[in-house]
């Protein structure tokens, strides 16, 4: 598994301990220190010295999370590759459960539901996706449809799959260090362009911990995501089905629509009624888009409430 970190001393030990606590005994953890200036490297080194499952890769210059993940993937030797962000956690049996499903289903990718908490909490009843089926097939079309902002069952760009290493090598997929955000979506798009056998599960083994200062979805950020679909169509369009291409085009429209809503939403939060009125006059479609956003949020919340109760997978 690959764990990139840069100035992550506040939470890195928690993430590494969650890896050390895995019930799966056969794994390697590659910690990629992306030129940290705090004591992240020394924390990582402690785990390396205490447990042979851990190995440290040190980058001399800060190159970003995408380059760090690529460096780790290049050094990985296991049959499966897992990715963990330095501020998140694995539940103790995550790798064991997902590997068992992956091997049993002869899958190329396996992904699970996620527990959502606010740092520094470790547990929560809240689920990111609200899957109800123990295991299910997940297609290329499902991924690109799920990458839309509206009419999606879950935000597919946020999955954290186990990836079979030989499939990843054949696909030629890699993270793009030039992309400031949406790098996971682009990486997964490359994988799904190859039509992998992908299996999802309602088991929630990844703990996503929200933190203050996390990336906010600014108007500029939203416009950028709208253009990512164009990049995927340009690079991978010939490998995508008509339905997948249509979903990508719709994704761009979704992000542009939400970007146009951003000034009105900011005015609403700041109770600047004059600016809010001006935004609504300038773009009447803002109201319809806002209603779509509320409906999509309500659907996701309802799905999460209907998710299975927390517990270990059988």
Protein backbone atom coordinates (compact mmCIF):
# COMPACT_ATOMS: atom_id res chain seq x y z
CA UNK A 1 0.00 0.00 0.00
CA UNK A 2 1.07 3.60 -0.68
CA UNK A 3 0.90 6.43 1.85
CA UNK A 4 2.21 9.82 0.65
CA UNK A 5 2.81 12.53 3.24
CA UNK A 6 3.96 16.12 3.39
CA UNK A 7 4.12 17.93 6.74
CA UNK A 8 1.64 15.44 8.19
CA UNK A 9 3.12 15.10 11.69
CA UNK A 10 -0.20 15.95 13.37
CA UNK A 11 -1.95 12.83 12.08
CA UNK A 12 0.61 10.56 10.37
CA UNK A 13 1.14 8.28 13.37
CA UNK A 14 -2.61 7.56 13.52
CA UNK A 15 -2.67 6.58 9.84
CA UNK A 16 0.40 4.35 10.16
CA UNK A 17 -0.90 2.71 13.32
CA UNK A 18 -4.15 1.87 11.49
CA UNK A 19 -2.00 0.10 8.89
CA UNK A 20 0.03 -1.70 11.54
CA UNK A 21 -3.23 -2.90 13.14
CA UNK A 22 -4.38 -4.67 9.97
CA UNK A 23 -5.53 -8.25 10.47
CA UNK A 24 -3.92 -9.10 7.12
CA UNK A 25 -0.38 -10.14 7.97
CA UNK A 26 1.07 -10.12 4.46
CA UNK A 27 1.45 -6.52 3.28
CA UNK A 28 4.01 -3.79 2.67
CA UNK A 29 3.45 -0.12 3.41
CA UNK A 30 5.47 2.36 1.36
CA UNK A 31 5.56 5.74 3.10
CA UNK A 32 6.53 8.42 0.59
CA UNK A 33 7.78 11.52 2.37
CA UNK A 34 7.33 14.43 -0.01
CA UNK A 35 10.14 16.64 1.36
CA UNK A 36 8.43 17.33 4.69
CA UNK A 37 9.87 20.14 6.84
CA UNK A 38 8.21 19.00 10.10
CA UNK A 39 8.97 15.73 11.90
CA UNK A 40 6.87 13.54 9.57
CA UNK A 41 9.97 11.73 8.37
CA UNK A 42 11.10 10.85 11.89
CA UNK A 43 7.61 9.51 12.71
CA UNK A 44 7.71 7.37 9.58
CA UNK A 45 11.23 6.20 10.40
CA UNK A 46 10.06 4.96 13.82
CA UNK A 47 7.53 2.68 12.15
CA UNK A 48 10.14 1.47 9.65
CA UNK A 49 12.55 0.59 12.46
CA UNK A 50 9.90 -1.18 14.52
CA UNK A 51 8.06 -3.13 11.80
CA UNK A 52 9.48 -4.73 8.62
CA UNK A 53 6.15 -4.19 6.85
CA UNK A 54 7.01 -0.48 6.51
CA UNK A 55 9.43 1.10 4.07
CA UNK A 56 10.28 4.79 3.67
CA UNK A 57 10.87 6.59 0.37
CA UNK A 58 12.19 10.14 0.70
CA UNK A 59 11.71 12.70 -2.07
CA UNK A 60 14.32 15.47 -1.96
CA UNK A 61 11.98 18.10 -3.41
CA UNK A 62 8.30 18.71 -2.69
CA UNK A 63 6.59 17.41 -5.83
CA UNK A 64 2.99 17.03 -4.65
CA UNK A 65 0.75 14.11 -3.74
CA UNK A 66 0.41 12.83 -7.33
CA UNK A 67 4.16 12.54 -7.86
CA UNK A 68 4.52 10.93 -4.42
CA UNK A 69 1.86 8.33 -5.25
CA UNK A 70 3.55 7.58 -8.58
CA UNK A 71 6.88 7.10 -6.77
CA UNK A 72 5.30 4.66 -4.36
CA UNK A 73 3.47 2.72 -7.07
CA UNK A 74 6.74 2.34 -9.00
CA UNK A 75 8.33 0.67 -5.95
CA UNK A 76 5.36 -1.49 -4.94
CA UNK A 77 5.87 -5.26 -5.03
CA UNK A 78 2.55 -6.62 -3.75
CA UNK A 79 -0.22 -8.19 -5.86
CA UNK A 80 -2.61 -5.46 -4.76
CA UNK A 81 -2.07 -1.72 -4.37
CA UNK A 82 -4.01 0.31 -1.82
CA UNK A 83 -3.85 4.08 -1.28
CA UNK A 84 -4.22 5.83 2.07
CA UNK A 85 -4.10 9.59 2.64
CA UNK A 86 -1.99 10.61 5.62
CA UNK A 87 -4.92 12.15 7.51
CA UNK A 88 -7.25 9.14 7.04
CA UNK A 89 -7.41 5.65 8.55
CA UNK A 90 -8.11 2.00 7.71
CA UNK A 91 -10.38 -0.09 9.93
CA UNK A 92 -8.44 -3.14 11.19
CA UNK A 93 -9.78 -5.71 8.72
CA UNK A 94 -10.01 -3.52 5.62
CA UNK A 95 -7.15 -5.06 3.64
CA UNK A 96 -8.14 -8.60 4.60
CA UNK A 97 -11.77 -8.09 3.58
CA UNK A 98 -11.07 -6.33 0.29
CA UNK A 99 -8.34 -8.76 -0.74
CA UNK A 100 -10.64 -11.70 -0.02
CA UNK A 101 -13.37 -10.16 -2.17
CA UNK A 102 -10.90 -9.25 -4.92
CA UNK A 103 -9.37 -12.71 -5.07
CA UNK A 104 -12.75 -14.45 -4.83
CA UNK A 105 -14.26 -12.33 -7.61
CA UNK A 106 -11.08 -12.28 -9.73
CA UNK A 107 -11.43 -8.51 -9.75
CA UNK A 108 -9.08 -5.85 -11.05
CA UNK A 109 -10.47 -3.22 -8.65
CA UNK A 110 -12.29 -3.54 -5.33
CA UNK A 111 -13.72 -0.60 -3.40
CA UNK A 112 -15.70 -0.16 -0.21
CA UNK A 113 -17.95 2.35 1.52
CA UNK A 114 -16.31 4.94 3.77
CA UNK A 115 -16.80 6.13 7.31
CA UNK A 116 -16.94 9.95 7.53
CA UNK A 117 -15.68 11.67 10.67
CA UNK A 118 -14.29 15.04 11.65
CA UNK A 119 -10.64 14.99 12.76
CA UNK A 120 -9.54 13.79 15.29
CA UNK A 121 -12.50 11.37 15.62
CA UNK A 122 -11.90 7.80 14.48
CA UNK A 123 -15.38 6.30 14.35
CA UNK A 124 -18.82 7.40 13.17
CA UNK A 125 -22.13 5.91 12.10
CA UNK A 126 -22.12 8.18 9.04
CA UNK A 127 -21.34 6.55 5.69
CA UNK A 128 -20.13 8.32 2.57
CA UNK A 129 -21.96 6.25 -0.03
CA UNK A 130 -24.66 4.23 1.73
CA UNK A 131 -24.25 1.00 -0.23
CA UNK A 132 -26.76 -1.67 0.77
CA UNK A 133 -25.67 -4.65 -1.35
CA UNK A 134 -22.84 -6.75 0.16
CA UNK A 135 -21.04 -6.99 -3.20
CA UNK A 136 -21.92 -5.71 -6.66
CA UNK A 137 -20.35 -5.25 -10.09
CA UNK A 138 -19.40 -1.70 -11.04
CA UNK A 139 -18.89 -0.79 -14.71
CA UNK A 140 -17.20 1.92 -16.74
CA UNK A 141 -20.60 3.52 -17.27
CA UNK A 142 -21.31 3.41 -13.54
CA UNK A 143 -18.06 5.26 -12.84
CA UNK A 144 -18.60 8.11 -15.27
CA UNK A 145 -22.26 8.46 -14.36
CA UNK A 146 -21.24 8.48 -10.70
CA UNK A 147 -18.73 11.24 -11.40
CA UNK A 148 -21.53 13.71 -12.14
CA UNK A 149 -22.70 16.15 -9.52
CA UNK A 150 -26.38 15.42 -10.12
CA UNK A 151 -28.26 12.14 -10.65
CA UNK A 152 -25.51 10.05 -9.18
CA UNK A 153 -25.74 7.21 -6.69
CA UNK A 154 -22.43 8.19 -5.08
CA UNK A 155 -19.39 10.39 -5.87
CA UNK A 156 -17.26 7.86 -7.74
CA UNK A 157 -14.18 10.09 -7.81
CA UNK A 158 -13.85 9.62 -4.04
CA UNK A 159 -13.52 5.84 -4.05
CA UNK A 160 -10.31 4.39 -2.60
CA UNK A 161 -9.98 1.06 -4.41
CA UNK A 162 -7.61 -1.83 -4.05
CA UNK A 163 -6.02 -2.17 -7.49
CA UNK A 164 -4.52 -5.38 -8.83
CA UNK A 165 -0.92 -4.45 -9.63
CA UNK A 166 -0.63 -6.36 -12.92
CA UNK A 167 -3.82 -4.68 -14.16
CA UNK A 168 -2.45 -1.26 -13.18
CA UNK A 169 0.77 -2.00 -15.07
CA UNK A 170 -1.13 -3.06 -18.20
CA UNK A 171 -3.38 0.01 -18.05
CA UNK A 172 -0.48 2.47 -18.08
CA UNK A 173 -2.46 4.68 -15.68
CA UNK A 174 -0.56 7.23 -13.60
CA UNK A 175 -1.32 10.29 -11.52
CA UNK A 176 -0.81 13.62 -13.30
CA UNK A 177 1.37 15.93 -11.14
CA UNK A 178 0.33 18.92 -13.27
CA UNK A 179 -3.30 18.68 -12.14
CA UNK A 180 -3.94 20.78 -8.99
CA UNK A 181 -7.19 19.00 -8.07
CA UNK A 182 -9.28 16.14 -9.42
CA UNK A 183 -6.18 13.97 -9.78
CA UNK A 184 -8.00 10.93 -8.35
CA UNK A 185 -10.81 11.31 -10.89
CA UNK A 186 -8.32 11.45 -13.77
CA UNK A 187 -6.41 8.43 -12.47
CA UNK A 188 -9.56 6.35 -12.04
CA UNK A 189 -10.80 7.46 -15.48
CA UNK A 190 -7.67 5.92 -17.00
CA UNK A 191 -8.38 2.68 -15.16
CA UNK A 192 -12.05 2.51 -16.12
CA UNK A 193 -11.24 3.28 -19.74
CA UNK A 194 -9.72 -0.24 -19.75
CA UNK A 195 -13.06 -1.76 -18.62
CA UNK A 196 -11.73 -3.47 -15.46
CA UNK A 197 -13.67 -6.09 -13.56
CA UNK A 198 -14.59 -3.88 -10.60
CA UNK A 199 -16.44 -5.01 -7.47
CA UNK A 200 -17.96 -2.74 -4.83
CA UNK A 201 -18.96 -3.70 -1.30
CA UNK A 202 -21.12 -2.23 1.45
CA UNK A 203 -18.34 -2.97 3.95
CA UNK A 204 -17.00 0.38 5.22
CA UNK A 205 -13.26 0.02 5.75
CA UNK A 206 -11.86 3.45 4.90
CA UNK A 207 -12.17 6.25 7.46
CA UNK A 208 -12.25 9.67 5.80
CA UNK A 209 -11.48 12.37 8.36
CA UNK A 210 -12.53 15.90 7.44
CA UNK A 211 -10.22 18.68 8.64
CA UNK A 212 -10.40 22.43 8.83
CA UNK A 213 -8.55 23.99 5.95
CA UNK A 214 -9.43 21.21 3.52
CA UNK A 215 -9.83 22.20 -0.12
CA UNK A 216 -12.90 24.37 -0.62
CA UNK A 217 -14.86 24.28 -3.85
CA UNK A 218 -14.27 27.81 -5.10
CA UNK A 219 -15.73 29.10 -8.34
CA UNK A 220 -12.32 28.73 -9.98
CA UNK A 221 -12.01 25.17 -8.68
CA UNK A 222 -15.43 24.26 -10.11
CA UNK A 223 -14.63 25.71 -13.53
CA UNK A 224 -11.41 23.69 -13.51
CA UNK A 225 -13.33 20.46 -12.82
CA UNK A 226 -15.63 21.23 -15.73
CA UNK A 227 -12.58 21.22 -17.99
CA UNK A 228 -11.31 17.89 -16.64
CA UNK A 229 -14.09 16.13 -18.52
CA UNK A 230 -12.84 17.68 -21.75
CA UNK A 231 -9.35 16.39 -21.00
CA UNK A 232 -10.62 12.86 -20.40
CA UNK A 233 -12.68 12.93 -23.59
CA UNK A 234 -9.68 14.14 -25.55
CA UNK A 235 -7.29 11.52 -24.17
CA UNK A 236 -9.57 8.52 -23.63
CA UNK A 237 -12.70 9.16 -25.68
CA UNK A 238 -12.03 6.37 -28.18
CA UNK A 239 -12.05 3.83 -25.31
CA UNK A 240 -15.32 5.02 -23.80
CA UNK A 241 -18.86 3.92 -24.57
CA UNK A 242 -21.43 6.46 -25.84
CA UNK A 243 -23.05 6.45 -22.40
CA UNK A 244 -19.71 7.18 -20.69
CA UNK A 245 -18.96 10.04 -23.09
CA UNK A 246 -22.42 11.49 -22.55
CA UNK A 247 -21.91 11.32 -18.77
CA UNK A 248 -18.61 13.19 -19.09
CA UNK A 249 -20.27 15.92 -21.14
CA UNK A 250 -23.04 16.16 -18.54
CA UNK A 251 -20.41 16.29 -15.78
CA UNK A 252 -18.90 19.39 -17.37
CA UNK A 253 -22.33 21.04 -17.53
CA UNK A 254 -22.98 20.15 -13.89
CA UNK A 255 -19.76 21.75 -12.69
CA UNK A 256 -20.28 24.86 -14.81
CA UNK A 257 -23.79 25.23 -13.41
CA UNK A 258 -22.59 24.95 -9.82
CA UNK A 259 -19.74 27.38 -10.54
CA UNK A 260 -22.33 29.89 -11.70
CA UNK A 261 -24.24 29.40 -8.43
CA UNK A 262 -21.16 30.08 -6.28
CA UNK A 263 -21.46 33.91 -6.16
CA UNK A 264 -25.09 33.65 -5.05
CA UNK A 265 -24.24 31.02 -2.42
CA UNK A 266 -21.44 33.21 -1.06
CA UNK A 267 -23.77 36.20 -0.88
CA UNK A 268 -26.36 34.07 0.94
CA UNK A 269 -23.81 32.88 3.52
CA UNK A 270 -22.70 36.47 4.11
CA UNK A 271 -26.32 37.71 4.18
CA UNK A 272 -25.50 40.22 1.48
CA UNK A 273 -29.04 40.46 0.14
CA UNK A 274 -28.26 43.12 -2.46
CA UNK A 275 -25.50 41.02 -4.01
CA UNK A 276 -27.71 37.92 -3.82
CA UNK A 277 -30.51 39.73 -5.67
CA UNK A 278 -28.06 40.94 -8.32
CA UNK A 279 -26.77 37.37 -8.82
CA UNK A 280 -30.30 36.03 -9.27
CA UNK A 281 -31.18 38.75 -11.77
CA UNK A 282 -27.98 38.16 -13.72
CA UNK A 283 -28.41 34.37 -13.79
CA UNK A 284 -32.03 33.24 -13.25
CA UNK A 285 -30.95 29.62 -13.73
CA UNK A 286 -29.20 29.81 -10.34
CA UNK A 287 -32.47 29.01 -8.54
CA UNK A 288 -33.07 25.83 -10.56
CA UNK A 289 -29.46 24.71 -10.04
CA UNK A 290 -29.72 25.40 -6.32
CA UNK A 291 -32.81 23.19 -6.12
CA UNK A 292 -31.00 20.41 -7.97
CA UNK A 293 -28.13 20.67 -5.47
CA UNK A 294 -30.53 20.41 -2.53
CA UNK A 295 -32.30 17.39 -4.06
CA UNK A 296 -28.96 15.63 -4.72
CA UNK A 297 -27.84 16.31 -1.15
CA UNK A 298 -31.13 14.97 0.22
CA UNK A 299 -30.81 11.77 -1.84
CA UNK A 300 -27.27 11.16 -0.56
CA UNK A 301 -28.33 11.82 3.04
CA UNK A 302 -31.25 9.40 2.70
CA UNK A 303 -28.97 6.73 1.21
CA UNK A 304 -26.56 7.13 4.12
CA UNK A 305 -29.41 6.72 6.64
CA UNK A 306 -30.48 3.51 4.91
CA UNK A 307 -26.96 2.06 4.94
CA UNK A 308 -26.31 -1.14 6.92
CA UNK A 309 -25.38 -0.75 10.57
CA UNK A 310 -21.63 -0.60 11.27
CA UNK A 311 -19.93 -3.95 11.74
CA UNK A 312 -17.29 -6.29 10.51
CA UNK A 313 -17.71 -8.06 7.21
CA UNK A 314 -18.34 -11.76 7.30
